[in-house]
């Protein structure tokens, strides 16, 4: 009897050691994924070659393989903590290397009954999500899964994104656009009837999206209106200036016929054309910003309508400023066309400064709008396969 108890005690100790070993290796694996992610950022900062990062991926995956073999983790279900830790961090390259060695990990779920793709949708990691397009028919086994709260993948897309991920997109309006693009993409991925499924709270995916993003819509509306209002004031001032300049002709009028004295000169034609272009462009900018102010601000307006209007308004405003500066410079060439030509040249050079400052100050806004509106076409469905 005592011998039997000793054997039981010994077996318990062995199992306890195995459990501790398993827990230790899983923690090590989790830290490996974190270290790899940090090392990836270091590589980007130091601008080292990409093959060094690839070698690191291979080394880590081989280490994980050895750990699983040595610790005999195959004897019990592998909890895949390293898999889900990498998915939460958005470490796409690490996951690709891991899945290449263990394809069955695609179907693994965490404690919330979520696969790595559900985590990718919830945390907005498009690199991991795009792997869905490379797993073929297995995708039909992944997308129908629902988590412990009865949220399907579309519900997760309807949840508010984490703030640190939204920080990558400038402005609440463009952040709302990105959220809508995610919801639209996942909606096209899952079966149509998923739109009507309700979670534990009794909400459909769209109802959840509206509830979670109500504050962001309000902030996006305010951001759009403030931007449009400020830009419209500038456009109105430009329109007023160039309109008055059209009837304030340099050199005066011929007293007999009432036509401008310099109307035959090419430089005068340049003045008229530049002034007219500035007026037309500033008027277009005013009307565009006015349409933003009077918009309904429905959810779908944030996808293309509002960003496109903002892009057109800012672009035409910049062009109208440029045309106004050209008009300003040309007017001095008309006055000093015979002597002291260095004066209009100097003034024209100084006139470039306001246009340049506008580009410097507003370029990031315009670039973000263009990138977010048209660059989003390449956000999903990548051209190059990375998994197989």
Protein backbone atom coordinates (compact mmCIF):
# COMPACT_ATOMS: atom_id res chain seq x y z
CA UNK A 1 0.00 0.00 0.00
CA UNK A 2 2.76 2.42 0.98
CA UNK A 3 4.64 1.50 -2.18
CA UNK A 4 1.55 2.26 -4.22
CA UNK A 5 1.20 5.65 -2.52
CA UNK A 6 4.85 6.41 -3.24
CA UNK A 7 4.29 5.59 -6.90
CA UNK A 8 1.22 7.83 -7.00
CA UNK A 9 3.14 10.64 -5.31
CA UNK A 10 5.99 10.20 -7.76
CA UNK A 11 3.60 10.27 -10.70
CA UNK A 12 1.96 13.42 -9.37
CA UNK A 13 5.36 15.11 -9.10
CA UNK A 14 6.22 14.08 -12.67
CA UNK A 15 2.94 15.44 -13.98
CA UNK A 16 3.39 18.63 -12.00
CA UNK A 17 6.85 19.07 -13.47
CA UNK A 18 5.45 18.48 -16.95
CA UNK A 19 2.72 21.06 -16.34
CA UNK A 20 5.28 23.55 -15.09
CA UNK A 21 7.50 22.74 -18.07
CA UNK A 22 4.61 23.21 -20.44
CA UNK A 23 3.67 26.53 -18.86
CA UNK A 24 7.29 27.66 -18.94
CA UNK A 25 7.71 26.80 -22.62
CA UNK A 26 4.46 28.49 -23.54
CA UNK A 27 5.56 31.65 -21.75
CA UNK A 28 8.91 31.48 -23.51
CA UNK A 29 7.12 31.06 -26.82
CA UNK A 30 4.95 34.06 -26.07
CA UNK A 31 8.01 36.18 -25.32
CA UNK A 32 9.68 34.92 -28.50
CA UNK A 33 6.80 36.30 -30.54
CA UNK A 34 7.05 39.60 -28.68
CA UNK A 35 10.83 39.76 -29.13
CA UNK A 36 10.47 39.03 -32.83
CA UNK A 37 7.94 41.83 -33.17
CA UNK A 38 10.24 44.29 -31.38
CA UNK A 39 13.21 43.13 -33.45
CA UNK A 40 11.18 43.77 -36.58
CA UNK A 41 10.76 47.41 -35.54
CA UNK A 42 14.49 47.70 -34.84
CA UNK A 43 15.25 46.36 -38.29
CA UNK A 44 12.99 49.01 -39.82
CA UNK A 45 14.61 51.77 -37.79
CA UNK A 46 18.14 50.73 -38.66
CA UNK A 47 17.18 50.01 -42.30
CA UNK A 48 18.86 46.64 -42.32
CA UNK A 49 18.20 44.05 -45.00
CA UNK A 50 14.92 42.13 -44.98
CA UNK A 51 16.71 38.79 -45.22
CA UNK A 52 17.95 39.30 -41.63
CA UNK A 53 14.35 39.48 -40.43
CA UNK A 54 13.51 36.40 -42.51
CA UNK A 55 16.41 34.50 -40.94
CA UNK A 56 15.15 35.50 -37.50
CA UNK A 57 11.69 34.17 -38.34
CA UNK A 58 13.15 30.83 -39.44
CA UNK A 59 15.32 30.59 -36.33
CA UNK A 60 12.42 31.27 -33.97
CA UNK A 61 10.11 28.79 -35.70
CA UNK A 62 12.80 26.09 -35.51
CA UNK A 63 13.21 26.85 -31.83
CA UNK A 64 9.46 26.45 -31.30
CA UNK A 65 9.57 23.12 -33.12
CA UNK A 66 12.35 21.89 -30.85
CA UNK A 67 10.52 23.10 -27.76
CA UNK A 68 7.39 21.19 -28.67
CA UNK A 69 9.39 18.04 -29.30
CA UNK A 70 11.54 18.22 -26.17
CA UNK A 71 8.73 19.08 -23.77
CA UNK A 72 6.39 16.43 -25.26
CA UNK A 73 3.61 18.93 -25.67
CA UNK A 74 2.00 16.63 -28.21
CA UNK A 75 0.73 14.43 -25.39
CA UNK A 76 -1.87 17.05 -24.45
CA UNK A 77 -3.67 19.72 -26.50
CA UNK A 78 -1.35 22.57 -27.33
CA UNK A 79 -2.89 25.82 -26.13
CA UNK A 80 -1.24 27.87 -28.89
CA UNK A 81 -0.60 30.88 -26.68
CA UNK A 82 2.23 31.92 -28.94
CA UNK A 83 -0.11 31.77 -31.93
CA UNK A 84 -2.71 34.05 -30.42
CA UNK A 85 -0.12 36.37 -28.89
CA UNK A 86 1.38 36.92 -32.34
CA UNK A 87 -2.12 37.46 -33.79
CA UNK A 88 -2.92 40.09 -31.15
CA UNK A 89 0.31 41.93 -31.93
CA UNK A 90 -0.30 41.74 -35.69
CA UNK A 91 2.94 39.86 -36.29
CA UNK A 92 2.07 38.58 -39.77
CA UNK A 93 5.47 37.26 -40.83
CA UNK A 94 5.87 35.25 -37.66
CA UNK A 95 2.42 33.69 -38.11
CA UNK A 96 3.17 32.86 -41.74
CA UNK A 97 6.30 30.95 -40.76
CA UNK A 98 4.44 29.19 -37.96
CA UNK A 99 1.47 28.18 -40.13
CA UNK A 100 3.79 26.88 -42.84
CA UNK A 101 5.13 24.36 -40.32
CA UNK A 102 1.79 23.63 -38.65
CA UNK A 103 -1.13 24.25 -41.06
CA UNK A 104 -3.59 22.86 -38.51
CA UNK A 105 -3.05 25.95 -36.37
CA UNK A 106 -5.37 27.85 -38.71
CA UNK A 107 -8.36 26.13 -37.10
CA UNK A 108 -7.19 26.55 -33.50
CA UNK A 109 -9.39 28.71 -31.27
CA UNK A 110 -8.60 30.58 -28.07
CA UNK A 111 -10.59 30.66 -24.84
CA UNK A 112 -13.12 32.99 -26.49
CA UNK A 113 -13.60 30.51 -29.36
CA UNK A 114 -11.86 32.87 -31.79
CA UNK A 115 -9.37 31.95 -34.50
CA UNK A 116 -6.43 34.15 -35.44
CA UNK A 117 -8.63 35.63 -38.19
CA UNK A 118 -11.31 36.66 -35.71
CA UNK A 119 -8.59 38.32 -33.64
CA UNK A 120 -7.24 40.01 -36.78
CA UNK A 121 -10.67 41.46 -37.57
CA UNK A 122 -11.24 42.66 -34.01
CA UNK A 123 -7.80 44.29 -33.79
CA UNK A 124 -7.75 45.45 -37.45
CA UNK A 125 -4.63 43.60 -38.60
CA UNK A 126 -5.19 43.45 -42.35
CA UNK A 127 -1.97 41.50 -42.96
CA UNK A 128 -3.26 38.52 -40.96
CA UNK A 129 -6.81 38.89 -42.25
CA UNK A 130 -5.61 38.72 -45.87
CA UNK A 131 -4.30 35.21 -45.23
CA UNK A 132 -7.95 34.13 -45.48
CA UNK A 133 -7.68 34.54 -49.25
CA UNK A 134 -4.85 32.00 -49.34
CA UNK A 135 -6.28 29.09 -47.34
CA UNK A 136 -8.83 27.97 -49.93
CA UNK A 137 -11.84 25.95 -48.76
CA UNK A 138 -10.62 26.06 -45.15
CA UNK A 139 -11.98 29.60 -45.14
CA UNK A 140 -15.51 28.15 -45.14
CA UNK A 141 -14.69 26.44 -41.82
CA UNK A 142 -13.26 29.59 -40.23
CA UNK A 143 -15.73 32.34 -41.17
CA UNK A 144 -18.91 30.71 -39.71
CA UNK A 145 -17.41 30.39 -36.21
CA UNK A 146 -19.01 32.41 -33.41
CA UNK A 147 -17.31 33.29 -30.14
CA UNK A 148 -18.54 32.71 -26.59
CA UNK A 149 -20.70 35.85 -26.81
CA UNK A 150 -22.28 34.64 -30.06
CA UNK A 151 -20.40 37.29 -32.03
CA UNK A 152 -19.65 36.26 -35.58
CA UNK A 153 -16.81 37.75 -37.59
CA UNK A 154 -19.03 40.60 -38.78
CA UNK A 155 -19.93 41.48 -35.19
CA UNK A 156 -16.21 41.78 -34.45
CA UNK A 157 -15.82 44.12 -37.43
CA UNK A 158 -18.68 46.16 -36.00
CA UNK A 159 -16.91 46.66 -32.69
CA UNK A 160 -14.90 49.82 -32.13
CA UNK A 161 -11.25 49.45 -33.05
CA UNK A 162 -8.54 49.84 -30.42
CA UNK A 163 -7.37 53.43 -30.07
CA UNK A 164 -3.74 52.68 -30.91
CA UNK A 165 -4.81 51.23 -34.26
CA UNK A 166 -7.02 54.23 -35.03
CA UNK A 167 -4.09 56.52 -34.29
CA UNK A 168 -2.47 55.32 -37.53
CA UNK A 169 -5.19 57.21 -39.46
CA UNK A 170 -5.38 61.00 -39.13
CA UNK A 171 -8.70 62.68 -38.39
CA UNK A 172 -11.95 61.19 -37.06
CA UNK A 173 -13.58 61.29 -40.51
CA UNK A 174 -10.84 59.17 -42.10
CA UNK A 175 -10.87 56.88 -39.06
CA UNK A 176 -14.59 56.36 -39.62
CA UNK A 177 -13.89 55.67 -43.28
CA UNK A 178 -11.37 52.98 -42.34
CA UNK A 179 -13.84 51.36 -39.93
CA UNK A 180 -16.53 51.30 -42.63
CA UNK A 181 -14.11 49.76 -45.12
CA UNK A 182 -13.35 46.97 -42.64
CA UNK A 183 -17.05 46.33 -42.04
CA UNK A 184 -17.76 46.30 -45.78
CA UNK A 185 -14.86 43.92 -46.46
CA UNK A 186 -15.88 41.41 -43.78
CA UNK A 187 -19.52 41.64 -44.89
CA UNK A 188 -18.45 40.52 -48.36
CA UNK A 189 -16.40 37.71 -46.84
CA UNK A 190 -19.03 36.06 -44.62
CA UNK A 191 -22.35 34.48 -45.71
CA UNK A 192 -25.15 37.05 -46.33
CA UNK A 193 -27.36 35.73 -43.52
CA UNK A 194 -24.70 36.79 -40.99
CA UNK A 195 -26.08 40.34 -41.28
CA UNK A 196 -29.23 39.18 -39.48
CA UNK A 197 -27.62 37.09 -36.74
CA UNK A 198 -27.77 38.48 -33.22
CA UNK A 199 -25.23 38.16 -30.43
CA UNK A 200 -25.88 37.64 -26.71
CA UNK A 201 -26.90 41.30 -26.38
CA UNK A 202 -29.51 40.85 -29.11
CA UNK A 203 -27.70 43.08 -31.62
CA UNK A 204 -27.12 42.46 -35.31
CA UNK A 205 -23.68 43.37 -36.71
CA UNK A 206 -24.93 46.65 -38.18
CA UNK A 207 -26.73 47.61 -34.97
CA UNK A 208 -23.55 46.91 -33.04
CA UNK A 209 -21.51 48.98 -35.51
CA UNK A 210 -23.87 51.95 -35.20
CA UNK A 211 -23.86 51.74 -31.40
CA UNK A 212 -20.08 51.41 -31.07
CA UNK A 213 -19.25 54.14 -33.62
CA UNK A 214 -21.83 56.80 -32.69
CA UNK A 215 -19.20 58.94 -30.96
CA UNK A 216 -16.73 58.58 -33.84
CA UNK A 217 -19.41 59.66 -36.34
CA UNK A 218 -20.10 62.78 -34.28
CA UNK A 219 -16.38 63.58 -34.04
CA UNK A 220 -15.95 62.96 -37.77
CA UNK A 221 -18.83 65.28 -38.56
CA UNK A 222 -17.36 68.05 -36.39
CA UNK A 223 -13.88 67.56 -37.91
CA UNK A 224 -15.26 67.75 -41.44
CA UNK A 225 -17.34 70.86 -40.72
CA UNK A 226 -14.49 72.69 -38.98
CA UNK A 227 -12.07 71.91 -41.80
CA UNK A 228 -14.59 72.91 -44.48
CA UNK A 229 -15.55 76.13 -42.67
CA UNK A 230 -11.97 77.32 -42.26
CA UNK A 231 -11.02 76.50 -45.84
CA UNK A 232 -14.19 78.10 -47.22
CA UNK A 233 -13.34 81.41 -45.53
CA UNK A 234 -9.95 81.43 -47.28
CA UNK A 235 -11.54 80.50 -50.63
CA UNK A 236 -14.10 83.31 -50.25
CA UNK A 237 -11.35 85.86 -49.58
CA UNK A 238 -9.45 84.73 -52.67
CA UNK A 239 -12.60 84.93 -54.81
CA UNK A 240 -13.22 88.48 -53.58
CA UNK A 241 -9.63 89.58 -54.28
CA UNK A 242 -9.40 88.18 -57.80
CA UNK A 243 -12.90 89.42 -58.68
CA UNK A 244 -11.89 92.98 -57.79
CA UNK A 245 -8.55 92.55 -59.60
CA UNK A 246 -10.39 91.67 -62.81
CA UNK A 247 -11.82 95.22 -62.96
CA UNK A 248 -8.71 96.98 -61.65
CA UNK A 249 -6.65 96.87 -64.82
CA UNK A 250 -2.99 97.83 -64.64
CA UNK A 251 -2.16 100.71 -66.99
CA UNK A 252 -5.73 101.98 -67.18
CA UNK A 253 -8.17 102.13 -70.09
CA UNK A 254 -8.14 103.81 -73.45
CA UNK A 255 -10.32 106.94 -73.08
CA UNK A 256 -11.69 106.66 -76.61
CA UNK A 257 -12.67 102.98 -76.84
CA UNK A 258 -12.74 102.03 -73.14
CA UNK A 259 -10.49 99.01 -73.55
CA UNK A 260 -7.34 98.25 -71.52
CA UNK A 261 -4.23 99.93 -72.86
CA UNK A 262 -2.11 96.75 -72.61
CA UNK A 263 -4.74 94.34 -73.93
CA UNK A 264 -2.62 93.44 -76.98
CA UNK A 265 0.40 92.42 -74.93
CA UNK A 266 0.89 88.67 -74.15
CA UNK A 267 1.68 89.50 -70.53
CA UNK A 268 -1.79 91.04 -70.18
CA UNK A 269 -3.40 87.88 -71.57
CA UNK A 270 -1.50 85.88 -68.93
CA UNK A 271 -2.87 88.24 -66.27
CA UNK A 272 -6.47 87.80 -67.42
CA UNK A 273 -6.21 84.00 -67.72
CA UNK A 274 -4.57 83.59 -64.30
CA UNK A 275 -7.11 85.90 -62.66
CA UNK A 276 -10.05 84.06 -64.25
CA UNK A 277 -8.65 80.65 -63.30
CA UNK A 278 -8.19 81.79 -59.71
CA UNK A 279 -11.79 83.00 -59.59
CA UNK A 280 -13.19 79.78 -61.08
CA UNK A 281 -11.09 77.54 -58.83
CA UNK A 282 -11.89 79.46 -55.64
CA UNK A 283 -15.60 79.41 -56.53
CA UNK A 284 -15.40 75.65 -57.08
CA UNK A 285 -13.67 75.29 -53.74
CA UNK A 286 -16.39 77.33 -51.99
CA UNK A 287 -19.18 75.23 -53.49
CA UNK A 288 -17.37 72.00 -52.61
CA UNK A 289 -16.88 72.99 -48.98
CA UNK A 290 -20.49 74.20 -48.86
CA UNK A 291 -21.65 70.75 -49.98
CA UNK A 292 -19.64 69.26 -47.10
CA UNK A 293 -21.34 71.56 -44.60
CA UNK A 294 -24.80 70.64 -45.90
CA UNK A 295 -24.15 66.89 -46.16
CA UNK A 296 -26.42 64.39 -44.38
CA UNK A 297 -23.40 62.72 -42.74
CA UNK A 298 -24.84 59.24 -43.13
CA UNK A 299 -22.48 56.35 -42.45
CA UNK A 300 -21.94 55.57 -46.13
CA UNK A 301 -21.03 59.22 -46.85
CA UNK A 302 -17.77 58.72 -44.95
CA UNK A 303 -16.59 56.01 -47.36
CA UNK A 304 -16.18 58.04 -50.56
CA UNK A 305 -18.48 61.07 -50.77
CA UNK A 306 -17.10 63.23 -47.96
CA UNK A 307 -13.39 62.34 -48.41
CA UNK A 308 -13.65 62.98 -52.17
CA UNK A 309 -15.30 66.36 -51.60
CA UNK A 310 -12.63 67.29 -49.08
CA UNK A 311 -9.91 66.25 -51.51
CA UNK A 312 -11.44 68.31 -54.35
CA UNK A 313 -11.97 71.31 -52.08
CA UNK A 314 -8.40 71.37 -50.75
CA UNK A 315 -6.92 70.79 -54.23
CA UNK A 316 -8.92 73.58 -55.91
CA UNK A 317 -8.11 75.91 -53.01
CA UNK A 318 -4.39 75.29 -53.51
CA UNK A 319 -4.68 75.85 -57.26
CA UNK A 320 -6.65 79.07 -56.73
CA UNK A 321 -3.94 80.37 -54.37
CA UNK A 322 -1.30 79.50 -56.96
CA UNK A 323 -3.26 81.25 -59.74
CA UNK A 324 -3.77 84.31 -57.51
CA UNK A 325 -0.03 84.53 -56.85
CA UNK A 326 0.63 84.27 -60.59
CA UNK A 327 -1.87 87.09 -61.18
CA UNK A 328 -0.14 89.16 -58.52
CA UNK A 329 3.30 88.62 -60.06
CA UNK A 330 2.18 89.22 -63.64
CA UNK A 331 0.57 92.54 -62.70
CA UNK A 332 4.01 93.87 -61.72
CA UNK A 333 5.51 92.66 -64.98
CA UNK A 334 2.86 94.77 -66.74
CA UNK A 335 3.87 97.87 -64.76
CA UNK A 336 7.64 97.37 -65.09
CA UNK A 337 7.81 95.77 -68.54
CA UNK A 338 10.25 98.39 -69.88
CA UNK A 339 12.63 99.11 -67.01
CA UNK A 340 13.49 97.94 -63.50
CA UNK A 341 12.57 94.36 -64.39
CA UNK A 342 14.28 93.08 -61.27
CA UNK A 343 11.35 94.40 -59.20
CA UNK A 344 8.67 92.06 -60.68
CA UNK A 345 11.15 89.17 -60.62
CA UNK A 346 11.82 89.72 -56.92
CA UNK A 347 8.13 90.13 -56.12
CA UNK A 348 7.21 87.01 -58.10
CA UNK A 349 9.82 85.06 -56.19
CA UNK A 350 8.33 86.21 -52.89
CA UNK A 351 4.84 85.33 -54.14
CA UNK A 352 5.89 81.68 -54.30
CA UNK A 353 6.27 81.59 -50.50
CA UNK A 354 2.51 81.56 -49.61
CA UNK A 355 1.79 78.77 -52.09
CA UNK A 356 4.75 76.79 -50.76
CA UNK A 357 3.63 77.28 -47.15
CA UNK A 358 0.15 76.06 -48.02
CA UNK A 359 1.60 72.89 -49.54
CA UNK A 360 3.78 72.30 -46.48
CA UNK A 361 0.97 72.91 -43.99
CA UNK A 362 -1.85 71.12 -45.83
CA UNK A 363 0.01 68.41 -47.73
CA UNK A 364 -0.32 65.81 -44.97
CA UNK A 365 -4.11 66.28 -44.86
CA UNK A 366 -4.48 65.96 -48.62
CA UNK A 367 -2.06 63.04 -48.77
CA UNK A 368 -3.91 61.22 -45.99
CA UNK A 369 -7.25 61.72 -47.75
CA UNK A 370 -5.90 60.42 -51.07
CA UNK A 371 -4.11 57.51 -49.42
CA UNK A 372 -7.11 56.56 -47.32
CA UNK A 373 -9.63 56.86 -50.17
CA UNK A 374 -7.74 55.37 -53.09
CA UNK A 375 -4.97 53.46 -51.32
CA UNK A 376 -7.59 51.46 -49.43
CA UNK A 377 -8.24 49.51 -52.65
CA UNK A 378 -5.02 47.65 -51.90
CA UNK A 379 -5.71 47.25 -48.18
CA UNK A 380 -7.36 43.87 -48.72
CA UNK A 381 -6.83 41.08 -51.27
CA UNK A 382 -3.06 41.51 -51.74
CA UNK A 383 -1.61 40.84 -55.17
CA UNK A 384 1.25 38.70 -53.87
CA UNK A 385 0.72 35.50 -51.93
CA UNK A 386 2.75 35.20 -48.72
CA UNK A 387 1.54 31.96 -47.13
CA UNK A 388 1.98 29.25 -49.75
